[in-house]
Amino acid sequence: MPWLKQEQYYYCVPASIQMWALFDNSQFRVSQTTIAAYVHAMPPDGTPATNVAPGVNYYTATKDASLIDAFSTPQAQFDSMQITSINNQRPLIAVFNQQHVVVVSGGSWHQDQVNDWNVWDTVIYQDPSAGADLELDASTWHENVSAMVI
């Protein structure tokens, strides 16, 4: 997964979509500003959550992205969906601290024996503000991630 720095303080979604698009096609050459216009990123709040999946569908090879929140999805299922995406070499964008997004690119996990779901142990992600290949333990990840586009 390539890492890119967000070009404006409210461009975490455009930068994340751009990273995902570069993962799909290394020749991708659309600017964060163009992506920001498409997803309606505006200061000071950034991109409306409902515009992230359409942006992913428009600029990446993924055409069925959807927003899934952790409040209406059981935690084990929420984790398992993320892990399945990574296992299938498909990035996902996670809403981090309810005001920022990051691109999940890997991690470690185990299979829960009770319900047979995959459960995070550690998560590796690309943060367009803080840097590349950052890692969190599962507990910290769960405390900070409230939704995802997968």
Protein backbone atom coordinates (compact mmCIF):
# COMPACT_ATOMS: atom_id res chain seq x y z
CA MET A 1 0.00 0.00 0.00
CA PRO A 2 1.53 3.34 -0.98
CA TRP A 3 1.45 6.12 1.60
CA LEU A 4 0.62 9.72 0.72
CA LYS A 5 0.45 12.76 2.93
CA GLN A 6 -2.81 14.67 2.86
CA GLU A 7 -2.28 17.99 1.08
CA GLN A 8 -4.76 19.99 3.18
CA TYR A 9 -5.71 19.51 6.83
CA TYR A 10 -9.21 18.36 5.80
CA TYR A 11 -8.07 16.05 2.93
CA CYS A 12 -7.77 12.75 4.83
CA VAL A 13 -10.54 11.20 2.69
CA PRO A 14 -9.13 12.41 -0.66
CA ALA A 15 -5.64 11.22 0.34
CA SER A 16 -7.02 7.84 1.47
CA ILE A 17 -8.95 7.39 -1.77
CA GLN A 18 -5.83 8.38 -3.70
CA MET A 19 -3.75 5.76 -1.82
CA TRP A 20 -6.38 3.09 -2.54
CA ALA A 21 -6.48 4.09 -6.23
CA LEU A 22 -2.67 3.94 -6.47
CA PHE A 23 -2.78 0.49 -4.86
CA ASP A 24 -5.16 -0.57 -7.65
CA ASN A 25 -3.26 1.18 -10.44
CA SER A 26 0.23 2.59 -10.00
CA GLN A 27 -0.38 4.89 -12.98
CA PHE A 28 -3.28 6.69 -11.27
CA ARG A 29 -2.80 10.45 -11.65
CA VAL A 30 -5.82 12.27 -10.19
CA SER A 31 -5.03 14.94 -7.62
CA GLN A 32 -6.33 15.09 -4.08
CA THR A 33 -7.95 18.41 -5.02
CA THR A 34 -9.96 16.71 -7.79
CA ILE A 35 -11.01 13.90 -5.44
CA ALA A 36 -11.89 16.48 -2.76
CA ALA A 37 -14.21 18.26 -5.19
CA TYR A 38 -15.93 14.98 -6.08
CA VAL A 39 -16.50 13.96 -2.44
CA HIS A 40 -17.36 17.53 -1.36
CA ALA A 41 -14.51 17.89 1.15
CA MET A 42 -14.85 21.29 2.77
CA PRO A 43 -13.06 23.03 5.62
CA PRO A 44 -13.25 22.73 8.54
CA ASP A 45 -15.05 19.38 8.75
CA GLY A 46 -13.72 17.54 5.68
CA THR A 47 -15.80 15.01 3.78
CA PRO A 48 -19.35 13.94 4.69
CA ALA A 49 -19.26 10.24 5.65
CA THR A 50 -21.92 9.38 3.07
CA ASN A 51 -19.62 10.64 0.26
CA VAL A 52 -16.65 8.36 1.01
CA ALA A 53 -17.98 5.12 -0.54
CA PRO A 54 -19.12 6.87 -3.74
CA GLY A 55 -15.62 8.39 -4.00
CA VAL A 56 -14.02 4.96 -3.59
CA ASN A 57 -16.37 3.52 -6.21
CA TYR A 58 -15.57 6.32 -8.65
CA TYR A 59 -11.77 6.49 -8.32
CA THR A 60 -10.72 2.91 -7.50
CA ALA A 61 -11.21 -0.53 -9.04
CA THR A 62 -13.75 -1.27 -6.29
CA LYS A 63 -17.31 -0.70 -7.50
CA ASP A 64 -19.31 -1.99 -4.53
CA ALA A 65 -17.87 -0.01 -1.60
CA SER A 66 -20.24 0.73 1.22
CA LEU A 67 -20.16 2.45 4.59
CA ILE A 68 -20.53 0.09 7.55
CA ASP A 69 -20.73 1.39 11.11
CA ALA A 70 -19.55 -0.37 14.25
CA PHE A 71 -22.67 0.61 16.17
CA SER A 72 -25.09 -1.59 14.22
CA THR A 73 -22.63 -4.40 13.41
CA PRO A 74 -21.41 -6.84 16.09
CA GLN A 75 -17.71 -6.24 16.88
CA ALA A 76 -16.60 -9.72 15.79
CA GLN A 77 -18.39 -9.35 12.45
CA PHE A 78 -17.01 -5.82 12.04
CA ASP A 79 -13.46 -7.15 12.57
CA SER A 80 -14.03 -10.15 10.34
CA MET A 81 -15.23 -7.98 7.44
CA GLN A 82 -12.07 -5.86 7.71
CA ILE A 83 -9.82 -8.92 7.89
CA THR A 84 -11.58 -10.57 4.94
CA SER A 85 -10.99 -7.43 2.89
CA ILE A 86 -7.27 -7.40 3.78
CA ASN A 87 -7.01 -11.17 3.22
CA ASN A 88 -8.41 -10.64 -0.28
CA GLN A 89 -5.84 -7.87 -0.89
CA ARG A 90 -8.49 -5.15 -0.88
CA PRO A 91 -7.83 -1.99 1.12
CA LEU A 92 -10.44 -0.42 3.32
CA ILE A 93 -10.89 3.03 4.77
CA ALA A 94 -11.60 3.19 8.48
CA VAL A 95 -13.10 6.13 10.34
CA PHE A 96 -10.60 6.79 13.12
CA ASN A 97 -11.48 8.91 16.19
CA GLN A 98 -14.75 9.86 14.44
CA GLN A 99 -13.06 12.77 12.62
CA HIS A 100 -10.27 11.23 10.59
CA VAL A 101 -9.84 8.32 8.17
CA VAL A 102 -6.99 5.90 7.58
CA VAL A 103 -6.37 3.08 5.11
CA VAL A 104 -6.03 -0.37 6.64
CA SER A 105 -3.35 -2.38 4.89
CA GLY A 106 -2.71 -5.40 7.13
CA GLY A 107 -2.28 -6.77 10.58
CA SER A 108 -2.47 -10.00 12.50
CA TRP A 109 -5.56 -11.88 13.62
CA HIS A 110 -6.91 -15.14 14.96
CA GLN A 111 -10.12 -17.08 14.51
CA ASP A 112 -12.58 -16.85 17.39
CA GLN A 113 -13.57 -20.39 18.43
CA VAL A 114 -17.06 -19.41 19.58
CA ASN A 115 -18.50 -17.82 16.44
CA ASP A 116 -15.79 -18.65 13.85
CA TRP A 117 -15.15 -14.96 13.05
CA ASN A 118 -11.69 -13.53 12.40
CA VAL A 119 -10.65 -11.17 15.22
CA TRP A 120 -7.89 -8.53 15.12
CA ASP A 121 -4.75 -8.88 17.24
CA THR A 122 -2.92 -5.94 15.60
CA VAL A 123 -3.83 -3.59 12.77
CA ILE A 124 -1.44 -1.93 10.30
CA TYR A 125 -2.68 1.21 8.60
CA GLN A 126 -1.62 4.18 6.50
CA ASP A 127 -2.50 7.50 8.11
CA PRO A 128 -2.46 10.38 5.60
CA SER A 129 -1.62 12.77 8.43
CA ALA A 130 0.67 10.77 10.76
CA GLY A 131 2.58 8.37 8.48
CA ALA A 132 2.97 4.97 6.87
CA ASP A 133 2.69 1.46 8.28
CA LEU A 134 1.47 2.46 11.73
CA GLU A 135 0.43 -0.36 14.03
CA LEU A 136 -2.11 -0.58 16.84
CA ASP A 137 -3.11 -3.39 19.16
CA ALA A 138 -6.68 -4.62 18.70
CA SER A 139 -7.98 -3.02 21.88
CA THR A 140 -6.80 0.46 20.90
CA TRP A 141 -8.08 -0.09 17.35
CA HIS A 142 -11.55 -1.00 18.68
CA GLU A 143 -11.62 2.10 20.89
CA ASN A 144 -10.86 4.38 17.94
CA VAL A 145 -12.63 2.95 14.87
CA SER A 146 -16.33 3.68 14.50
CA ALA A 147 -17.02 2.92 10.84
CA MET A 148 -15.40 1.70 7.65
CA VAL A 149 -15.77 1.78 3.89
CA ILE A 150 -15.20 -1.64 2.49
